[in-house]
């Protein structure tokens, strides 16, 4: 099964706008791919939903609970400033999915490819 880590911006796009990020979440819900997440990524999602999109506490809790049911939580042993890369290294994923230009400009970190959502969907056989 394909193992991926999604950047916070991909979760936010899936929740708020849908599109390719939501398709990726649906693949995980249908057990076609495995998404890994860390507590620091969950916290960042919660903070963005609350502060940037003015969600109330119950809405945020519901979103985090839904994400938690679809993902596998990992605990990076040596977290640095880059929670996305740390999570991907800990989970030994093949891909990081992001819309962040800085992260995408790396294209690859160690053996982990860094792709936008549409590119991941084009690589998958389903």
Foldseek 3Di string as FASTA:
>chain_A
DAEEEEALVLLVCCVPPNPLSVVVLVCLVVVVYAYEAEPVSLVVNLVCCCPVVVDDPVVSVVSSVSVPVSHHYDDQPDDDPDRRVSRCVRVVGQEYEYPDPVQVVVQDDDNHGYYHSVVVVVPDPD
